[in-house]
Amino acid sequence: MSKNEDKNRVFPVEEAKHLDRSIRKWLQKPNKILKNWVKEGMTVLDFGSGTGYFTTEIAKLVTETGKVLAVDLQQGMLDIIRHKIEGTDLEKRISLIKCETRSINVQEKVDMVFAFYVVHEVPNKNKFLMEVKSILKPSGILMIVEPMGRVSKRDIEDMIKWAEEIGFHLLSRPKIFFSRSVVLEKK
């Protein structure tokens, strides 16, 4: 496998149990990462939701007046989320959506797109940013968090530059353990 193929490799459902390990809650605390950005009543798209590690926390933060679109390429990941939320109050707030390799597959306008450790897997990052822009409401925000081990500082700077060229502006660079993070706002 080439370095580029490995960088774009989708995290396999068979290894999903690793995404919910208790040590992760110490290193990547969902509430701490999200609380400054996710507000009551928002519609938030959790892109690459995986097992719902962040999805359920987002649903708690948007409360019963908000909504979460959990979007993943793999039906197996969405099935894990479905199992987690079945019979809970969160089930009413979370919609599960299977995206395509080259499309988010969402037309609904959202207040925020959250993409944690997933954009490096997207084959065409420029197209992804254009699609995100098209579904964000005016002044909507895009939060991208990428692993330092897979995404270089240069990669992030190039992404910011392209995002600014298409109509985003940089709001913040949150500090998140072993990550490169940006929050962009749609102009």
C-alpha atoms as a PDB file:
ATOM      1  CA  MET A   1       0.000   0.000   0.000  1.00  0.00           C
ATOM      2  CA  SER A   2       1.425   3.373  -0.997  1.00  0.00           C
ATOM      3  CA  LYS A   3       1.695   6.239   1.501  1.00  0.00           C
ATOM      4  CA  ASN A   4      -1.156   8.081  -0.256  1.00  0.00           C
ATOM      5  CA  GLU A   5      -3.404   4.992  -0.289  1.00  0.00           C
ATOM      6  CA  ASP A   6      -2.765   4.487   3.425  1.00  0.00           C
ATOM      7  CA  LYS A   7      -3.523   8.159   4.120  1.00  0.00           C
ATOM      8  CA  ASN A   8      -6.898   7.839   2.332  1.00  0.00           C
ATOM      9  CA  ARG A   9      -7.791   4.453   3.861  1.00  0.00           C
ATOM     10  CA  VAL A  10     -11.224   4.354   5.453  1.00  0.00           C
ATOM     11  CA  PHE A  11     -11.186   3.142   9.053  1.00  0.00           C
ATOM     12  CA  PRO A  12     -12.648  -0.390   8.929  1.00  0.00           C
ATOM     13  CA  VAL A  13     -15.862  -1.342  10.751  1.00  0.00           C
ATOM     14  CA  GLU A  14     -14.076  -4.482  11.981  1.00  0.00           C
ATOM     15  CA  GLU A  15     -11.840  -2.268  14.130  1.00  0.00           C
ATOM     16  CA  ALA A  16     -14.680  -0.031  15.395  1.00  0.00           C
ATOM     17  CA  LYS A  17     -14.284  -1.211  19.004  1.00  0.00           C
ATOM     18  CA  HIS A  18     -11.041   0.813  19.139  1.00  0.00           C
ATOM     19  CA  LEU A  19     -12.983   4.053  18.568  1.00  0.00           C
ATOM     20  CA  ASP A  20     -14.893   3.773  21.845  1.00  0.00           C
ATOM     21  CA  ARG A  21     -12.096   2.860  24.238  1.00  0.00           C
ATOM     22  CA  SER A  22     -12.283   4.468  27.660  1.00  0.00           C
ATOM     23  CA  ILE A  23      -8.796   5.984  27.361  1.00  0.00           C
ATOM     24  CA  ARG A  24     -10.075   8.066  24.460  1.00  0.00           C
ATOM     25  CA  LYS A  25     -12.433   9.899  26.819  1.00  0.00           C
ATOM     26  CA  TRP A  26      -9.344  11.138  28.698  1.00  0.00           C
ATOM     27  CA  LEU A  27      -7.503  12.278  25.578  1.00  0.00           C
ATOM     28  CA  GLN A  28     -10.331  13.481  23.332  1.00  0.00           C
ATOM     29  CA  LYS A  29     -13.152  14.678  25.569  1.00  0.00           C
ATOM     30  CA  PRO A  30     -16.193  15.258  23.332  1.00  0.00           C
ATOM     31  CA  ASN A  31     -17.835  17.872  25.549  1.00  0.00           C
ATOM     32  CA  LYS A  32     -14.615  19.875  25.898  1.00  0.00           C
ATOM     33  CA  ILE A  33     -13.990  19.807  22.139  1.00  0.00           C
ATOM     34  CA  LEU A  34     -17.564  20.690  21.172  1.00  0.00           C
ATOM     35  CA  LYS A  35     -19.054  22.908  23.894  1.00  0.00           C
ATOM     36  CA  ASN A  36     -17.795  26.219  22.452  1.00  0.00           C
ATOM     37  CA  TRP A  37     -19.212  25.463  19.013  1.00  0.00           C
ATOM     38  CA  VAL A  38     -22.363  23.366  19.376  1.00  0.00           C
ATOM     39  CA  LYS A  39     -25.401  25.178  20.790  1.00  0.00           C
ATOM     40  CA  GLU A  40     -28.972  24.324  21.662  1.00  0.00           C
ATOM     41  CA  GLY A  41     -31.286  24.138  18.658  1.00  0.00           C
ATOM     42  CA  MET A  42     -28.551  23.735  16.041  1.00  0.00           C
ATOM     43  CA  THR A  43     -28.576  21.256  13.180  1.00  0.00           C
ATOM     44  CA  VAL A  44     -25.132  19.633  13.126  1.00  0.00           C
ATOM     45  CA  LEU A  45     -23.753  17.258  10.523  1.00  0.00           C
ATOM     46  CA  ASP A  46     -21.266  14.805  12.041  1.00  0.00           C
ATOM     47  CA  PHE A  47     -19.317  13.801   8.945  1.00  0.00           C
ATOM     48  CA  GLY A  48     -17.580  10.444   9.249  1.00  0.00           C
ATOM     49  CA  SER A  49     -19.517   9.758  12.422  1.00  0.00           C
ATOM     50  CA  GLY A  50     -18.059   6.277  12.836  1.00  0.00           C
ATOM     51  CA  THR A  51     -19.444   4.634  15.968  1.00  0.00           C
ATOM     52  CA  GLY A  52     -21.067   7.862  17.179  1.00  0.00           C
ATOM     53  CA  TYR A  53     -18.363   8.769  19.685  1.00  0.00           C
ATOM     54  CA  PHE A  54     -19.070  12.477  19.048  1.00  0.00           C
ATOM     55  CA  THR A  55     -22.590  12.075  17.621  1.00  0.00           C
ATOM     56  CA  THR A  56     -24.230  11.320  20.952  1.00  0.00           C
ATOM     57  CA  GLU A  57     -22.486  14.242  22.679  1.00  0.00           C
ATOM     58  CA  ILE A  58     -23.527  16.593  19.880  1.00  0.00           C
ATOM     59  CA  ALA A  59     -27.123  15.369  20.301  1.00  0.00           C
ATOM     60  CA  LYS A  60     -26.991  16.200  24.019  1.00  0.00           C
ATOM     61  CA  LEU A  61     -25.608  19.681  23.307  1.00  0.00           C
ATOM     62  CA  VAL A  62     -28.237  20.568  20.669  1.00  0.00           C
ATOM     63  CA  THR A  63     -30.936  19.357  23.106  1.00  0.00           C
ATOM     64  CA  GLU A  64     -34.403  18.279  22.004  1.00  0.00           C
ATOM     65  CA  THR A  65     -34.759  21.425  19.861  1.00  0.00           C
ATOM     66  CA  GLY A  66     -31.788  20.501  17.671  1.00  0.00           C
ATOM     67  CA  LYS A  67     -30.828  17.740  15.306  1.00  0.00           C
ATOM     68  CA  VAL A  68     -27.760  15.702  14.377  1.00  0.00           C
ATOM     69  CA  LEU A  69     -27.125  14.175  10.969  1.00  0.00           C
ATOM     70  CA  ALA A  70     -24.712  11.288  11.525  1.00  0.00           C
ATOM     71  CA  VAL A  71     -23.122  10.693   8.122  1.00  0.00           C
ATOM     72  CA  ASP A  72     -20.822   7.794   7.364  1.00  0.00           C
ATOM     73  CA  LEU A  73     -19.680   5.864   4.302  1.00  0.00           C
ATOM     74  CA  GLN A  74     -20.059   2.508   6.019  1.00  0.00           C
ATOM     75  CA  GLN A  75     -23.470   1.094   6.895  1.00  0.00           C
ATOM     76  CA  GLY A  76     -21.801  -0.970   9.639  1.00  0.00           C
ATOM     77  CA  MET A  77     -20.789   2.207  11.502  1.00  0.00           C
ATOM     78  CA  LEU A  78     -24.317   3.607  11.225  1.00  0.00           C
ATOM     79  CA  ASP A  79     -25.678   0.303  12.547  1.00  0.00           C
ATOM     80  CA  ILE A  80     -23.452   0.668  15.625  1.00  0.00           C
ATOM     81  CA  ILE A  81     -24.890   4.141  16.273  1.00  0.00           C
ATOM     82  CA  ARG A  82     -28.429   2.872  15.742  1.00  0.00           C
ATOM     83  CA  HIS A  83     -27.823   0.167  18.351  1.00  0.00           C
ATOM     84  CA  LYS A  84     -26.355   2.725  20.822  1.00  0.00           C
ATOM     85  CA  ILE A  85     -29.276   5.146  20.620  1.00  0.00           C
ATOM     86  CA  GLU A  86     -32.153   2.701  20.209  1.00  0.00           C
ATOM     87  CA  GLY A  87     -34.817   3.352  22.827  1.00  0.00           C
ATOM     88  CA  THR A  88     -33.177   6.548  24.158  1.00  0.00           C
ATOM     89  CA  ASP A  89     -34.221  10.211  23.838  1.00  0.00           C
ATOM     90  CA  LEU A  90     -31.255  10.708  21.506  1.00  0.00           C
ATOM     91  CA  GLU A  91     -32.888   8.489  18.883  1.00  0.00           C
ATOM     92  CA  LYS A  92     -35.364  11.301  18.074  1.00  0.00           C
ATOM     93  CA  ARG A  93     -32.550  13.817  17.468  1.00  0.00           C
ATOM     94  CA  ILE A  94     -30.140  11.724  15.404  1.00  0.00           C
ATOM     95  CA  SER A  95     -30.683  10.886  11.726  1.00  0.00           C
ATOM     96  CA  LEU A  96     -28.391   8.253  10.212  1.00  0.00           C
ATOM     97  CA  ILE A  97     -27.288   8.924   6.629  1.00  0.00           C
ATOM     98  CA  LYS A  98     -25.067   6.797   4.417  1.00  0.00           C
ATOM     99  CA  CYS A  99     -22.902   8.999   2.240  1.00  0.00           C
ATOM    100  CA  GLU A 100     -21.141   8.074  -0.992  1.00  0.00           C
ATOM    101  CA  THR A 101     -17.422   8.058  -1.711  1.00  0.00           C
ATOM    102  CA  ARG A 102     -17.721  11.300  -3.660  1.00  0.00           C
ATOM    103  CA  SER A 103     -20.761  12.918  -2.023  1.00  0.00           C
ATOM    104  CA  ILE A 104     -21.923  13.752   1.491  1.00  0.00           C
ATOM    105  CA  ASN A 105     -25.457  12.897   0.290  1.00  0.00           C
ATOM    106  CA  VAL A 106     -27.188  15.672   2.274  1.00  0.00           C
ATOM    107  CA  GLN A 107     -29.218  18.547   0.878  1.00  0.00           C
ATOM    108  CA  GLU A 108     -30.552  19.881   4.187  1.00  0.00           C
ATOM    109  CA  LYS A 109     -29.032  23.170   5.339  1.00  0.00           C
ATOM    110  CA  VAL A 110     -27.035  22.852   8.574  1.00  0.00           C
ATOM    111  CA  ASP A 111     -25.518  25.204  11.136  1.00  0.00           C
ATOM    112  CA  MET A 112     -22.324  23.213  11.558  1.00  0.00           C
ATOM    113  CA  VAL A 113     -20.320  20.422   9.970  1.00  0.00           C
ATOM    114  CA  PHE A 114     -18.035  18.525  12.335  1.00  0.00           C
ATOM    115  CA  ALA A 115     -15.354  16.327  10.754  1.00  0.00           C
ATOM    116  CA  PHE A 116     -13.110  14.511  13.222  1.00  0.00           C
ATOM    117  CA  TYR A 117     -10.177  12.468  11.870  1.00  0.00           C
ATOM    118  CA  VAL A 118     -11.890  11.904   8.534  1.00  0.00           C
ATOM    119  CA  VAL A 119     -11.064  14.592   5.953  1.00  0.00           C
ATOM    120  CA  HIS A 120      -7.708  12.940   5.199  1.00  0.00           C
ATOM    121  CA  GLU A 121      -9.748   9.930   3.968  1.00  0.00           C
ATOM    122  CA  VAL A 122     -11.739  12.051   1.479  1.00  0.00           C
ATOM    123  CA  PRO A 123     -10.480  11.502  -2.102  1.00  0.00           C
ATOM    124  CA  ASN A 124     -11.104  15.106  -3.264  1.00  0.00           C
ATOM    125  CA  LYS A 125     -10.764  17.589  -0.412  1.00  0.00           C
ATOM    126  CA  ASN A 126     -11.525  20.623  -2.597  1.00  0.00           C
ATOM    127  CA  LYS A 127     -14.803  19.085  -3.786  1.00  0.00           C
ATOM    128  CA  PHE A 128     -15.605  18.176  -0.176  1.00  0.00           C
ATOM    129  CA  LEU A 129     -15.124  21.802   0.950  1.00  0.00           C
ATOM    130  CA  MET A 130     -17.337  23.035  -1.895  1.00  0.00           C
ATOM    131  CA  GLU A 131     -20.072  20.579  -0.936  1.00  0.00           C
ATOM    132  CA  VAL A 132     -19.836  21.540   2.743  1.00  0.00           C
ATOM    133  CA  LYS A 133     -20.132  25.208   1.778  1.00  0.00           C
ATOM    134  CA  SER A 134     -23.270  24.446  -0.243  1.00  0.00           C
ATOM    135  CA  ILE A 135     -25.061  22.822   2.716  1.00  0.00           C
ATOM    136  CA  LEU A 136     -23.945  25.247   5.428  1.00  0.00           C
ATOM    137  CA  LYS A 137     -26.326  28.040   6.362  1.00  0.00           C
ATOM    138  CA  PRO A 138     -24.934  31.612   6.138  1.00  0.00           C
ATOM    139  CA  SER A 139     -22.338  32.026   8.913  1.00  0.00           C
ATOM    140  CA  GLY A 140     -22.334  28.247   9.398  1.00  0.00           C
ATOM    141  CA  ILE A 141     -19.167  26.679  10.710  1.00  0.00           C
ATOM    142  CA  LEU A 142     -16.964  23.791   9.678  1.00  0.00           C
ATOM    143  CA  MET A 143     -14.756  22.220  12.328  1.00  0.00           C
ATOM    144  CA  ILE A 144     -12.029  19.948  11.006  1.00  0.00           C
ATOM    145  CA  VAL A 145      -9.830  17.940  13.360  1.00  0.00           C
ATOM    146  CA  GLU A 146      -7.123  15.782  11.800  1.00  0.00           C
ATOM    147  CA  PRO A 147      -4.495  13.454  13.304  1.00  0.00           C
ATOM    148  CA  MET A 148      -0.963  14.872  13.376  1.00  0.00           C
ATOM    149  CA  GLY A 149       0.448  11.508  12.359  1.00  0.00           C
ATOM    150  CA  ARG A 150      -1.452  11.498   9.059  1.00  0.00           C
ATOM    151  CA  VAL A 151      -1.899  15.172   8.208  1.00  0.00           C
ATOM    152  CA  SER A 152       0.999  17.603   7.977  1.00  0.00           C
ATOM    153  CA  LYS A 153       0.985  21.246   8.949  1.00  0.00           C
ATOM    154  CA  ARG A 154       1.361  22.029   5.234  1.00  0.00           C
ATOM    155  CA  ASP A 155      -1.739  19.930   4.407  1.00  0.00           C
ATOM    156  CA  ILE A 156      -3.809  21.929   6.907  1.00  0.00           C
ATOM    157  CA  GLU A 157      -2.454  25.261   5.641  1.00  0.00           C
ATOM    158  CA  ASP A 158      -3.270  24.268   2.044  1.00  0.00           C
ATOM    159  CA  MET A 159      -6.797  23.308   3.111  1.00  0.00           C
ATOM    160  CA  ILE A 160      -7.285  26.637   4.904  1.00  0.00           C
ATOM    161  CA  LYS A 161      -6.004  28.531   1.856  1.00  0.00           C
ATOM    162  CA  TRP A 162      -8.414  26.727  -0.472  1.00  0.00           C
ATOM    163  CA  ALA A 163     -11.305  27.185   1.982  1.00  0.00           C
ATOM    164  CA  GLU A 164     -10.628  30.918   2.142  1.00  0.00           C
ATOM    165  CA  GLU A 165     -10.533  31.113  -1.653  1.00  0.00           C
ATOM    166  CA  ILE A 166     -14.025  29.594  -1.903  1.00  0.00           C
ATOM    167  CA  GLY A 167     -15.656  31.724   0.767  1.00  0.00           C
ATOM    168  CA  PHE A 168     -14.702  30.598   4.263  1.00  0.00           C
ATOM    169  CA  HIS A 169     -12.671  32.471   6.821  1.00  0.00           C
ATOM    170  CA  LEU A 170     -10.618  31.073   9.664  1.00  0.00           C
ATOM    171  CA  LEU A 171     -12.212  31.529  13.094  1.00  0.00           C
ATOM    172  CA  SER A 172     -10.005  29.434  15.334  1.00  0.00           C
ATOM    173  CA  ARG A 173      -7.334  26.777  15.690  1.00  0.00           C
ATOM    174  CA  PRO A 174      -8.490  24.861  18.775  1.00  0.00           C
ATOM    175  CA  LYS A 175      -5.897  22.885  20.725  1.00  0.00           C
ATOM    176  CA  ILE A 176      -6.864  19.207  20.676  1.00  0.00           C
ATOM    177  CA  PHE A 177      -4.548  16.419  21.802  1.00  0.00           C
ATOM    178  CA  PHE A 178      -2.267  15.150  19.005  1.00  0.00           C
ATOM    179  CA  SER A 179      -4.373  16.909  16.364  1.00  0.00           C
ATOM    180  CA  ARG A 180      -4.384  19.699  13.820  1.00  0.00           C
ATOM    181  CA  SER A 181      -7.653  21.574  14.172  1.00  0.00           C
ATOM    182  CA  VAL A 182      -9.405  24.461  12.443  1.00  0.00           C
ATOM    183  CA  VAL A 183     -12.785  26.109  12.673  1.00  0.00           C
ATOM    184  CA  LEU A 184     -13.886  27.864   9.508  1.00  0.00           C
ATOM    185  CA  GLU A 185     -16.944  30.075   9.027  1.00  0.00           C
ATOM    186  CA  LYS A 186     -18.895  30.406   5.792  1.00  0.00           C
ATOM    187  CA  LYS A 187     -18.867  34.071   4.703  1.00  0.00           C
END
